[in-house]
C-alpha atoms as a PDB file:
ATOM      1  CA  MET A   1      95.788  48.641  18.804  1.00  0.00           C
ATOM      2  CA  SER A   2      98.238  46.189  17.553  1.00  0.00           C
ATOM      3  CA  ASP A   3     101.016  44.874  20.032  1.00  0.00           C
ATOM      4  CA  HIS A   4     103.543  44.716  16.749  1.00  0.00           C
ATOM      5  CA  TRP A   5     105.202  48.047  16.793  1.00  0.00           C
ATOM      6  CA  THR A   6     106.168  49.784  14.388  1.00  0.00           C
ATOM      7  CA  GLU A   7     109.739  51.913  13.413  1.00  0.00           C
ATOM      8  CA  GLU A   8     108.017  54.782  13.388  1.00  0.00           C
ATOM      9  CA  GLU A   9     106.847  54.125  17.501  1.00  0.00           C
ATOM     10  CA  LEU A  10     109.642  52.364  18.703  1.00  0.00           C
ATOM     11  CA  CYS A  11     112.023  55.269  17.002  1.00  0.00           C
ATOM     12  CA  ALA A  12     109.397  57.887  18.571  1.00  0.00           C
ATOM     13  CA  ALA A  13     109.571  56.130  21.997  1.00  0.00           C
ATOM     14  CA  VAL A  14     113.212  56.061  21.978  1.00  0.00           C
ATOM     15  CA  ALA A  15     113.665  59.613  21.190  1.00  0.00           C
ATOM     16  CA  ALA A  16     111.757  60.629  24.142  1.00  0.00           C
ATOM     17  CA  TYR A  17     113.741  58.145  26.568  1.00  0.00           C
ATOM     18  CA  GLN A  18     116.779  59.738  25.267  1.00  0.00           C
ATOM     19  CA  GLU A  19     115.608  63.056  25.314  1.00  0.00           C
ATOM     20  CA  MET A  20     114.388  62.283  29.321  1.00  0.00           C
ATOM     21  CA  TYR A  21     118.458  60.520  29.527  1.00  0.00           C
ATOM     22  CA  THR A  22     119.994  63.838  28.694  1.00  0.00           C
ATOM     23  CA  LYS A  23     117.803  65.886  31.161  1.00  0.00           C
ATOM     24  CA  GLU A  24     118.141  63.986  33.893  1.00  0.00           C
ATOM     25  CA  GLN A  25     122.188  63.711  33.280  1.00  0.00           C
ATOM     26  CA  ARG A  26     122.348  67.798  33.152  1.00  0.00           C
ATOM     27  CA  GLY A  27     119.780  68.154  36.394  1.00  0.00           C
ATOM     28  CA  GLU A  28     116.974  69.180  34.262  1.00  0.00           C
ATOM     29  CA  PRO A  29     113.551  68.741  35.818  1.00  0.00           C
ATOM     30  CA  PHE A  30     111.110  66.227  33.531  1.00  0.00           C
ATOM     31  CA  VAL A  31     107.886  64.555  34.170  1.00  0.00           C
ATOM     32  CA  LYS A  32     107.883  61.305  32.555  1.00  0.00           C
ATOM     33  CA  LYS A  33     104.277  60.991  32.538  1.00  0.00           C
ATOM     34  CA  ARG A  34     104.188  63.869  29.808  1.00  0.00           C
ATOM     35  CA  TYR A  35     105.958  62.086  27.666  1.00  0.00           C
ATOM     36  CA  TYR A  36     103.714  58.784  27.765  1.00  0.00           C
ATOM     37  CA  GLN A  37     100.994  61.160  27.819  1.00  0.00           C
ATOM     38  CA  ALA A  38     102.159  62.836  24.257  1.00  0.00           C
ATOM     39  CA  LEU A  39     103.081  59.319  22.994  1.00  0.00           C
ATOM     40  CA  ALA A  40      99.913  57.512  23.755  1.00  0.00           C
ATOM     41  CA  SER A  41      97.995  60.335  22.494  1.00  0.00           C
ATOM     42  CA  GLN A  42     100.261  60.514  19.192  1.00  0.00           C
ATOM     43  CA  PHE A  43      99.825  56.804  18.483  1.00  0.00           C
ATOM     44  CA  GLY A  44      96.772  55.763  19.991  1.00  0.00           C
ATOM     45  CA  ARG A  45      98.137  52.944  22.851  1.00  0.00           C
ATOM     46  CA  THR A  46      98.069  53.426  26.120  1.00  0.00           C
ATOM     47  CA  GLU A  47     100.414  55.563  28.362  1.00  0.00           C
ATOM     48  CA  LYS A  48     101.197  52.414  30.456  1.00  0.00           C
ATOM     49  CA  SER A  49     102.132  50.479  27.436  1.00  0.00           C
ATOM     50  CA  PHE A  50     105.074  53.040  26.603  1.00  0.00           C
ATOM     51  CA  GLU A  51     106.061  53.094  30.194  1.00  0.00           C
ATOM     52  CA  PHE A  52     106.726  49.596  29.903  1.00  0.00           C
ATOM     53  CA  ARG A  53     108.064  50.238  26.661  1.00  0.00           C
ATOM     54  CA  MET A  54     110.608  52.628  28.343  1.00  0.00           C
ATOM     55  CA  GLN A  55     111.750  50.219  30.748  1.00  0.00           C
ATOM     56  CA  ASN A  56     112.652  47.707  28.328  1.00  0.00           C
ATOM     57  CA  ILE A  57     114.635  50.502  26.500  1.00  0.00           C
ATOM     58  CA  SER A  58     116.126  50.881  30.117  1.00  0.00           C
ATOM     59  CA  HIS A  59     117.006  46.611  29.956  1.00  0.00           C
ATOM     60  CA  VAL A  60     119.073  47.679  26.157  1.00  0.00           C
ATOM     61  CA  TYR A  61     120.909  50.689  28.128  1.00  0.00           C
ATOM     62  CA  HIS A  62     121.929  47.958  30.814  1.00  0.00           C
ATOM     63  CA  LYS A  63     122.789  45.511  28.616  1.00  0.00           C
ATOM     64  CA  MET A  64     124.457  48.891  26.356  1.00  0.00           C
ATOM     65  CA  GLY A  65     126.702  49.340  30.023  1.00  0.00           C
ATOM     66  CA  ARG A  66     124.707  52.300  30.737  1.00  0.00           C
ATOM     67  CA  SER A  67     122.918  53.753  33.609  1.00  0.00           C
ATOM     68  CA  TRP A  68     119.422  53.994  32.885  1.00  0.00           C
ATOM     69  CA  VAL A  69     116.313  56.744  33.637  1.00  0.00           C
ATOM     70  CA  SER A  70     115.648  57.349  37.256  1.00  0.00           C
ATOM     71  CA  GLY A  71     112.501  55.249  38.233  1.00  0.00           C
ATOM     72  CA  LEU A  72     112.118  52.859  34.789  1.00  0.00           C
ATOM     73  CA  LYS A  73     113.482  49.929  36.042  1.00  0.00           C
ATOM     74  CA  PRO A  74     114.827  47.778  33.312  1.00  0.00           C
ATOM     75  CA  ALA A  75     112.320  45.456  32.006  1.00  0.00           C
ATOM     76  CA  THR A  76     113.929  42.106  30.457  1.00  0.00           C
ATOM     77  CA  HIS A  77     110.416  40.878  28.760  1.00  0.00           C
ATOM     78  CA  VAL A  78     111.282  42.067  24.838  1.00  0.00           C
ATOM     79  CA  GLY A  79     112.062  39.862  22.602  1.00  0.00           C
ATOM     80  CA  ALA A  80     116.007  39.578  21.079  1.00  0.00           C
ATOM     81  CA  HIS A  81     114.261  40.644  17.695  1.00  0.00           C
ATOM     82  CA  THR A  82     113.218  43.875  19.512  1.00  0.00           C
ATOM     83  CA  PHE A  83     116.243  44.473  21.418  1.00  0.00           C
ATOM     84  CA  ALA A  84     118.465  44.879  18.310  1.00  0.00           C
ATOM     85  CA  HIS A  85     115.451  47.434  16.595  1.00  0.00           C
ATOM     86  CA  ILE A  86     116.032  49.232  19.793  1.00  0.00           C
ATOM     87  CA  GLU A  87     119.812  49.192  20.236  1.00  0.00           C
ATOM     88  CA  ARG A  88     119.988  50.130  16.552  1.00  0.00           C
ATOM     89  CA  LEU A  89     117.737  52.603  17.020  1.00  0.00           C
ATOM     90  CA  ILE A  90     119.472  53.866  20.041  1.00  0.00           C
ATOM     91  CA  ARG A  91     123.076  54.301  18.464  1.00  0.00           C
ATOM     92  CA  GLN A  92     121.246  55.920  15.364  1.00  0.00           C
ATOM     93  CA  GLN A  93     119.526  58.901  17.085  1.00  0.00           C
ATOM     94  CA  GLU A  94     122.646  59.709  19.216  1.00  0.00           C
ATOM     95  CA  SER A  95     125.106  62.065  17.221  1.00  0.00           C
ATOM     96  CA  THR A  96     128.069  60.978  19.503  1.00  0.00           C
ATOM     97  CA  PRO A  97     127.302  57.053  20.244  1.00  0.00           C
ATOM     98  CA  ALA A  98     130.355  56.595  22.811  1.00  0.00           C
ATOM     99  CA  ALA A  99     129.766  60.021  24.596  1.00  0.00           C
ATOM    100  CA  TYR A 100     128.292  58.247  27.624  1.00  0.00           C
ATOM    101  CA  LEU A 101     130.501  55.993  27.852  1.00  0.00           C
ATOM    102  CA  SER A 102     134.043  57.736  27.555  1.00  0.00           C
ATOM    103  CA  SER A 103     135.446  59.855  30.406  1.00  0.00           C
ATOM    104  CA  ASP A 104     138.579  60.713  28.419  1.00  0.00           C
ATOM    105  CA  THR A 105     138.778  64.487  28.691  1.00  0.00           C
ATOM    106  CA  SER A 106     141.649  64.235  25.594  1.00  0.00           C
ATOM    107  CA  SER A 107     138.978  64.905  22.956  1.00  0.00           C
ATOM    108  CA  VAL A 108     137.016  68.069  24.713  1.00  0.00           C
ATOM    109  CA  PRO A 109     137.094  70.601  22.028  1.00  0.00           C
ATOM    110  CA  GLN A 110     138.685  73.801  22.618  1.00  0.00           C
ATOM    111  CA  GLY A 111     136.554  76.219  21.108  1.00  0.00           C
ATOM    112  CA  VAL A 112     137.104  79.801  19.298  1.00  0.00           C
ATOM    113  CA  LEU A 113     137.782  82.093  21.833  1.00  0.00           C
ATOM    114  CA  GLU A 114     137.236  84.963  19.310  1.00  0.00           C
ATOM    115  CA  PRO A 115     135.127  83.775  16.484  1.00  0.00           C
ATOM    116  CA  GLN A 116     135.224  85.985  12.856  1.00  0.00           C
ATOM    117  CA  ALA A 117     132.006  86.965  11.421  1.00  0.00           C
ATOM    118  CA  ARG A 118     131.170  85.042   8.374  1.00  0.00           C
ATOM    119  CA  SER A 119     129.231  87.289   5.521  1.00  0.00           C
ATOM    120  CA  THR A 120     126.413  84.580   3.805  1.00  0.00           C
ATOM    121  CA  THR A 121     123.748  85.040   1.283  1.00  0.00           C
ATOM    122  CA  ALA A 122     120.387  83.514   1.986  1.00  0.00           C
ATOM    123  CA  ASN A 123     116.988  83.718  -0.164  1.00  0.00           C
ATOM    124  CA  SER A 124     113.534  85.599   1.369  1.00  0.00           C
ATOM    125  CA  TYR A 125     110.516  85.309   0.883  1.00  0.00           C
ATOM    126  CA  GLY A 126     107.430  88.052   1.364  1.00  0.00           C
ATOM    127  CA  ARG A 127     105.295  86.458   3.950  1.00  0.00           C
ATOM    128  CA  ASP A 128     101.707  87.942   4.475  1.00  0.00           C
ATOM    129  CA  PRO A 129     101.383  88.857   8.019  1.00  0.00           C
ATOM    130  CA  GLN A 130      97.932  88.383   8.252  1.00  0.00           C
ATOM    131  CA  VAL A 131      98.071  84.344   7.710  1.00  0.00           C
ATOM    132  CA  ARG A 132     100.431  84.387  10.434  1.00  0.00           C
ATOM    133  CA  GLU A 133      98.350  85.990  12.818  1.00  0.00           C
ATOM    134  CA  TRP A 134      95.201  84.115  11.397  1.00  0.00           C
ATOM    135  CA  VAL A 135      97.083  80.390  11.991  1.00  0.00           C
ATOM    136  CA  LEU A 136      98.466  81.610  15.521  1.00  0.00           C
ATOM    137  CA  LYS A 137      95.001  82.869  16.713  1.00  0.00           C
ATOM    138  CA  ASN A 138      92.991  79.874  15.441  1.00  0.00           C
ATOM    139  CA  ALA A 139      95.422  77.525  16.872  1.00  0.00           C
ATOM    140  CA  ALA A 140      94.141  78.977  20.534  1.00  0.00           C
ATOM    141  CA  GLN A 141      97.437  78.815  22.125  1.00  0.00           C
ATOM    142  CA  LEU A 142      97.808  75.263  21.116  1.00  0.00           C
ATOM    143  CA  CYS A 143     100.333  73.661  18.815  1.00  0.00           C
ATOM    144  CA  GLU A 144      98.560  72.020  16.269  1.00  0.00           C
ATOM    145  CA  ALA A 145     100.865  68.937  15.817  1.00  0.00           C
ATOM    146  CA  CYS A 146     101.169  67.714  20.072  1.00  0.00           C
ATOM    147  CA  ASN A 147      98.298  69.799  21.384  1.00  0.00           C
ATOM    148  CA  HIS A 148     100.226  70.628  24.243  1.00  0.00           C
ATOM    149  CA  PRO A 149     100.031  74.210  25.397  1.00  0.00           C
ATOM    150  CA  ALA A 150     102.715  77.184  24.042  1.00  0.00           C
ATOM    151  CA  PRO A 151     105.576  76.471  26.245  1.00  0.00           C
ATOM    152  CA  PHE A 152     106.385  79.936  27.540  1.00  0.00           C
ATOM    153  CA  VAL A 153     104.594  83.392  27.239  1.00  0.00           C
ATOM    154  CA  THR A 154     106.939  86.314  25.349  1.00  0.00           C
ATOM    155  CA  ASP A 155     107.889  89.695  27.121  1.00  0.00           C
ATOM    156  CA  SER A 156     105.117  91.181  24.995  1.00  0.00           C
ATOM    157  CA  GLY A 157     102.497  89.192  26.714  1.00  0.00           C
ATOM    158  CA  GLU A 158     101.520  86.789  23.742  1.00  0.00           C
ATOM    159  CA  VAL A 159     102.122  82.987  23.873  1.00  0.00           C
ATOM    160  CA  TYR A 160     104.992  81.609  21.439  1.00  0.00           C
ATOM    161  CA  LEU A 161     104.265  79.458  18.809  1.00  0.00           C
ATOM    162  CA  GLU A 162     106.229  78.903  15.427  1.00  0.00           C
ATOM    163  CA  VAL A 163     104.179  79.395  12.258  1.00  0.00           C
ATOM    164  CA  HIS A 164     105.358  76.264   9.483  1.00  0.00           C
ATOM    165  CA  HIS A 165     105.063  75.810   6.345  1.00  0.00           C
ATOM    166  CA  LEU A 166     104.166  72.304   5.372  1.00  0.00           C
ATOM    167  CA  LYS A 167     105.292  72.507   1.697  1.00  0.00           C
ATOM    168  CA  GLY A 168     108.670  75.060   1.689  1.00  0.00           C
ATOM    169  CA  LEU A 169     108.112  78.492   0.176  1.00  0.00           C
ATOM    170  CA  ALA A 170     111.903  77.679  -1.127  1.00  0.00           C
ATOM    171  CA  GLU A 171     109.666  74.288  -2.579  1.00  0.00           C
ATOM    172  CA  GLY A 172     107.221  76.402  -4.500  1.00  0.00           C
ATOM    173  CA  GLY A 173     104.514  76.363  -1.132  1.00  0.00           C
ATOM    174  CA  SER A 174     102.165  79.002  -0.919  1.00  0.00           C
ATOM    175  CA  ASP A 175     101.905  81.205   2.354  1.00  0.00           C
ATOM    176  CA  THR A 176      98.536  80.870   2.867  1.00  0.00           C
ATOM    177  CA  ILE A 177      96.141  79.343   6.032  1.00  0.00           C
ATOM    178  CA  ASN A 178      96.103  76.132   3.681  1.00  0.00           C
ATOM    179  CA  ASN A 179      99.639  75.318   3.731  1.00  0.00           C
ATOM    180  CA  THR A 180     100.611  76.635   7.300  1.00  0.00           C
ATOM    181  CA  VAL A 181     100.512  75.401  10.855  1.00  0.00           C
ATOM    182  CA  ALA A 182     101.076  76.902  14.153  1.00  0.00           C
ATOM    183  CA  LEU A 183     104.095  74.814  16.441  1.00  0.00           C
ATOM    184  CA  CYS A 184     105.974  74.128  19.212  1.00  0.00           C
ATOM    185  CA  PRO A 185     109.682  73.908  19.112  1.00  0.00           C
ATOM    186  CA  ASN A 186     109.546  71.000  19.572  1.00  0.00           C
ATOM    187  CA  CYS A 187     107.232  69.782  17.031  1.00  0.00           C
ATOM    188  CA  HIS A 188     108.862  72.714  14.759  1.00  0.00           C
ATOM    189  CA  ARG A 189     112.056  71.056  14.875  1.00  0.00           C
ATOM    190  CA  GLU A 190     111.068  67.173  14.948  1.00  0.00           C
ATOM    191  CA  ILE A 191     109.244  68.130  11.450  1.00  0.00           C
ATOM    192  CA  HIS A 192     112.381  69.399   9.700  1.00  0.00           C
ATOM    193  CA  HIS A 193     114.764  66.804  10.996  1.00  0.00           C
ATOM    194  CA  GLY A 194     112.573  63.673  13.376  1.00  0.00           C
ATOM    195  CA  CYS A 195     113.092  60.311  11.938  1.00  0.00           C
ATOM    196  CA  HIS A 196     109.070  60.096  11.464  1.00  0.00           C
ATOM    197  CA  ARG A 197     108.614  63.944  10.348  1.00  0.00           C
ATOM    198  CA  THR A 198     106.382  62.345   7.262  1.00  0.00           C
ATOM    199  CA  ALA A 199     104.341  60.351   9.370  1.00  0.00           C
ATOM    200  CA  MET A 200     104.066  63.877  11.337  1.00  0.00           C
ATOM    201  CA  GLN A 201     103.080  66.135   8.441  1.00  0.00           C
ATOM    202  CA  GLU A 202     101.013  63.300   7.530  1.00  0.00           C
ATOM    203  CA  ARG A 203      98.782  63.573  11.280  1.00  0.00           C
ATOM    204  CA  LEU A 204      99.027  67.215  10.144  1.00  0.00           C
ATOM    205  CA  TYR A 205      97.081  67.196   7.407  1.00  0.00           C
ATOM    206  CA  GLN A 206      94.513  64.458   8.443  1.00  0.00           C
ATOM    207  CA  ARG A 207      93.659  66.383  11.662  1.00  0.00           C
ATOM    208  CA  LEU A 208      92.968  69.731  10.251  1.00  0.00           C
ATOM    209  CA  SER A 209      90.603  70.246   7.692  1.00  0.00           C
ATOM    210  CA  ARG A 210      92.200  73.438   6.308  1.00  0.00           C
ATOM    211  CA  LEU A 211      94.916  71.901   5.058  1.00  0.00           C
ATOM    212  CA  ILE A 212      95.630  71.196   0.964  1.00  0.00           C
ATOM    213  CA  ARG A 213      98.591  69.248  -0.245  1.00  0.00           C
ATOM    214  CA  GLU A 214     100.706  71.423  -2.908  1.00  0.00           C
END
């Protein structure tokens, strides 16, 4: 694997770091090694390389005047270009750049005590329930993007995965097994909103022989 890190790799590393950081700030448990494993599987690098990259991100956080994820002591061996690149990605991926720095509570939103109902309209598309059933069964309880087990079991005793159409129905995509995958909630959100969703979709096409581009 090349020593050069692509935009996609750095973006994914920063996103994973920020997720760990947020969980730690909230007191939510997480396992760092699982993040390294997922990234290593996705990009073909070693888990150790991603762990060291996370330490580089800790260094950038430190220079930005922030705390870093516990156990990821800042590693200063990062070039000026990569440092600037990581800092840019951090700021891009944060919805509120100053959220971790400001102690001013005057800007805390008041919220709405009695939210009013709104009437909305939306198009719906007929779907074949057998397609959904087949795709979920074929996934064998694993997310077809990250290959991790379904995150939980529902009240009905079924493992929870979400069905996603690679070409949306609103875009003219078909409701067939050739255009449909089973994803965990995280991957489903990422393929809709992630900074490397295009590459993520491309990997699905390469990994799953049943898929056909539409």
